[in-house]
Amino acid sequence: MEEEIVNKVSQSGLVTIDLEAFYPQGERVLFDIKDLLFQGLILREKDFREYIKNEDWNKYKDKYVALVCSADAIVPTWAYMLLATQLEPVAKKVVFGDLETLETILYSSILNQLNIDEYKDARVVIKGCGDLPVPKAAYVQITSMLRPVAKSIMYGEPCSTVPLYKKAKE
């Protein structure tokens, strides 16, 4: 007589959240102002405005753009703002910061739209180890959001989890 194989993971009542499922598709672009600096040190307003006027902004169409200056130079705030005025109509999103900051902002925006009440008293596993660049900040944010409502929070895979939080019994 054969014994029936039981999938204990599927019967566990665990709810899995895979942050990769929220990954916004689209090309990420780092726009570095350093290439527009005079002698790598100074932003000249006249030259910068000329660049703004002559640049083909359509090459950023439907892309996620992060604005930075990797050179050790003082770049006035208005320069980033001026770039944003040109990029906003064509890009999917424009942020100040590096590519990691861009990912963090994208995920924060998406996670803030979640109906967290769906996880009330749930045993939640936040899936880890994927192929897409989910920022650590997204894991921290989802954990902070779930903590007040979830019964328990774990990290990993349903078959092998790291416990993070368990609500005290009332």
Protein backbone atom coordinates (compact mmCIF):
# COMPACT_ATOMS: atom_id res chain seq x y z
CA MET A 1 0.00 0.00 0.00
CA GLU A 2 1.43 3.35 -1.08
CA GLU A 3 1.38 6.33 1.24
CA GLU A 4 -0.11 9.51 -0.16
CA ILE A 5 2.37 12.34 -0.60
CA VAL A 6 1.16 15.45 1.18
CA ASN A 7 2.36 18.94 0.25
CA LYS A 8 2.66 20.44 3.72
CA VAL A 9 3.82 23.80 2.33
CA SER A 10 0.59 24.30 0.37
CA GLN A 11 -1.45 23.32 3.43
CA SER A 12 0.45 25.60 5.79
CA GLY A 13 -1.69 28.68 5.17
CA LEU A 14 1.36 30.77 4.38
CA VAL A 15 0.93 33.81 2.15
CA THR A 16 3.97 34.55 -0.01
CA ILE A 17 4.90 38.03 -1.15
CA ASP A 18 7.38 38.05 -4.02
CA LEU A 19 8.74 41.58 -4.39
CA GLU A 20 10.08 40.68 -7.83
CA ALA A 21 6.46 40.47 -8.99
CA PHE A 22 6.21 44.23 -8.42
CA TYR A 23 9.36 45.01 -10.44
CA PRO A 24 8.54 47.84 -12.87
CA GLN A 25 9.64 46.87 -16.38
CA GLY A 26 11.62 49.44 -18.34
CA GLU A 27 15.13 50.63 -19.00
CA ARG A 28 17.00 52.45 -16.24
CA VAL A 29 19.31 55.32 -17.23
CA LEU A 30 21.85 57.18 -15.14
CA PHE A 31 22.16 60.80 -16.29
CA ASP A 32 25.48 62.10 -14.95
CA ILE A 33 25.90 65.88 -15.06
CA LYS A 34 29.69 65.52 -14.74
CA ASP A 35 29.93 65.27 -18.53
CA LEU A 36 28.41 68.76 -18.82
CA LEU A 37 30.82 70.50 -16.44
CA PHE A 38 33.42 72.96 -17.68
CA GLN A 39 36.85 71.42 -16.97
CA GLY A 40 35.06 68.82 -14.87
CA LEU A 41 34.50 71.35 -12.10
CA ILE A 42 32.04 74.08 -12.92
CA LEU A 43 28.56 74.21 -14.35
CA ARG A 44 28.35 77.18 -16.69
CA GLU A 45 24.75 78.29 -16.96
CA LYS A 46 24.97 79.53 -20.55
CA ASP A 47 26.56 76.28 -21.80
CA PHE A 48 24.17 74.18 -19.74
CA ARG A 49 21.10 75.97 -21.10
CA GLU A 50 22.46 75.55 -24.63
CA TYR A 51 22.83 71.82 -24.02
CA ILE A 52 19.26 71.67 -22.66
CA LYS A 53 17.94 73.46 -25.74
CA ASN A 54 19.77 71.24 -28.26
CA GLU A 55 19.49 67.81 -26.61
CA ASP A 56 17.15 65.20 -28.11
CA TRP A 57 15.09 64.34 -25.02
CA ASN A 58 13.12 61.69 -26.89
CA LYS A 59 15.96 59.23 -26.34
CA TYR A 60 14.73 59.05 -22.72
CA LYS A 61 11.17 58.17 -23.78
CA ASP A 62 9.59 55.62 -21.43
CA LYS A 63 12.79 55.19 -19.41
CA TYR A 64 13.43 55.54 -15.70
CA VAL A 65 16.04 58.28 -15.22
CA ALA A 66 18.29 58.90 -12.22
CA LEU A 67 20.05 62.28 -12.09
CA VAL A 68 23.47 62.53 -10.41
CA CYS A 69 26.78 64.30 -10.53
CA SER A 70 29.60 61.87 -9.88
CA ALA A 71 32.26 64.60 -10.02
CA ASP A 72 33.36 66.43 -6.91
CA ALA A 73 31.71 69.66 -8.00
CA ILE A 74 29.05 71.96 -6.68
CA VAL A 75 26.03 71.72 -8.95
CA PRO A 76 23.23 74.18 -8.24
CA THR A 77 19.84 72.68 -7.44
CA TRP A 78 18.21 74.49 -10.35
CA ALA A 79 20.34 72.45 -12.79
CA TYR A 80 18.66 69.20 -11.71
CA MET A 81 15.31 70.96 -11.77
CA LEU A 82 15.93 72.21 -15.31
CA LEU A 83 16.79 68.68 -16.42
CA ALA A 84 13.60 67.42 -14.79
CA THR A 85 11.53 69.90 -16.80
CA GLN A 86 12.84 68.32 -20.00
CA LEU A 87 12.75 64.70 -18.87
CA GLU A 88 9.36 64.63 -17.14
CA PRO A 89 7.28 64.77 -20.34
CA VAL A 90 9.09 61.79 -21.90
CA ALA A 91 10.52 59.63 -19.12
CA LYS A 92 8.47 57.19 -17.02
CA LYS A 93 10.07 58.58 -13.85
CA VAL A 94 12.82 61.07 -12.98
CA VAL A 95 14.58 61.04 -9.62
CA PHE A 96 17.60 62.63 -8.02
CA GLY A 97 20.13 59.99 -7.03
CA ASP A 98 21.89 56.91 -8.29
CA LEU A 99 20.31 53.78 -9.76
CA GLU A 100 19.82 52.22 -6.32
CA THR A 101 17.95 55.33 -5.22
CA LEU A 102 15.84 55.07 -8.36
CA GLU A 103 14.90 51.45 -7.55
CA THR A 104 14.14 52.38 -3.95
CA ILE A 105 11.81 55.20 -5.02
CA LEU A 106 10.08 53.02 -7.61
CA TYR A 107 9.44 50.26 -5.09
CA SER A 108 8.36 52.67 -2.38
CA SER A 109 5.75 54.13 -4.69
CA ILE A 110 4.44 50.67 -5.62
CA LEU A 111 4.40 49.32 -2.06
CA ASN A 112 2.57 52.39 -0.78
CA GLN A 113 -0.32 51.42 -3.07
CA LEU A 114 -0.71 47.94 -1.53
CA ASN A 115 -3.81 47.19 0.49
CA ILE A 116 -1.94 45.96 3.54
CA ASP A 117 -5.20 44.98 5.27
CA GLU A 118 -5.29 41.94 2.97
CA TYR A 119 -2.54 40.51 5.19
CA LYS A 120 -4.38 40.99 8.49
CA ASP A 121 -3.59 38.04 10.79
CA ALA A 122 -1.79 36.25 7.94
CA ARG A 123 1.36 34.19 8.17
CA VAL A 124 3.47 35.97 5.56
CA VAL A 125 6.64 34.84 3.83
CA ILE A 126 8.56 37.57 2.03
CA LYS A 127 10.30 35.72 -0.78
CA GLY A 128 14.01 36.30 -1.09
CA CYS A 129 16.81 35.43 -3.48
CA GLY A 130 15.67 36.37 -6.95
CA ASP A 131 17.05 37.48 -10.26
CA LEU A 132 15.88 41.10 -10.30
CA PRO A 133 17.50 44.01 -8.39
CA VAL A 134 14.96 44.46 -5.59
CA PRO A 135 16.47 47.05 -3.22
CA LYS A 136 16.96 46.15 0.44
CA ALA A 137 14.88 49.22 1.26
CA ALA A 138 11.85 47.48 -0.29
CA TYR A 139 12.28 44.51 2.06
CA VAL A 140 12.50 46.85 5.03
CA GLN A 141 9.47 48.83 3.87
CA ILE A 142 7.23 45.79 3.31
CA THR A 143 8.27 44.39 6.70
CA SER A 144 7.42 47.68 8.41
CA MET A 145 4.08 47.79 6.64
CA LEU A 146 3.19 44.19 7.54
CA ARG A 147 4.32 44.29 11.18
CA PRO A 148 1.16 45.98 12.55
CA VAL A 149 -1.24 43.61 10.74
CA ALA A 150 0.39 40.21 10.11
CA LYS A 151 0.29 37.28 12.51
CA SER A 152 3.85 36.40 11.57
CA ILE A 153 6.50 37.50 9.08
CA MET A 154 9.20 35.28 7.63
CA TYR A 155 11.86 35.68 4.97
CA GLY A 156 12.93 33.14 2.37
CA GLU A 157 10.99 30.32 0.71
CA PRO A 158 7.95 28.58 2.25
CA CYS A 159 10.01 25.39 2.64
CA SER A 160 12.91 27.19 4.34
CA THR A 161 12.17 30.44 6.15
CA VAL A 162 13.87 32.76 8.58
CA PRO A 163 11.39 33.92 11.21
CA LEU A 164 11.33 37.70 11.64
CA TYR A 165 8.24 38.50 13.67
CA LYS A 166 5.46 36.72 15.51
CA LYS A 167 2.53 38.56 17.06
CA ALA A 168 2.21 37.95 20.79
CA LYS A 169 -0.76 35.83 21.78
CA GLU A 170 -3.54 37.87 23.29
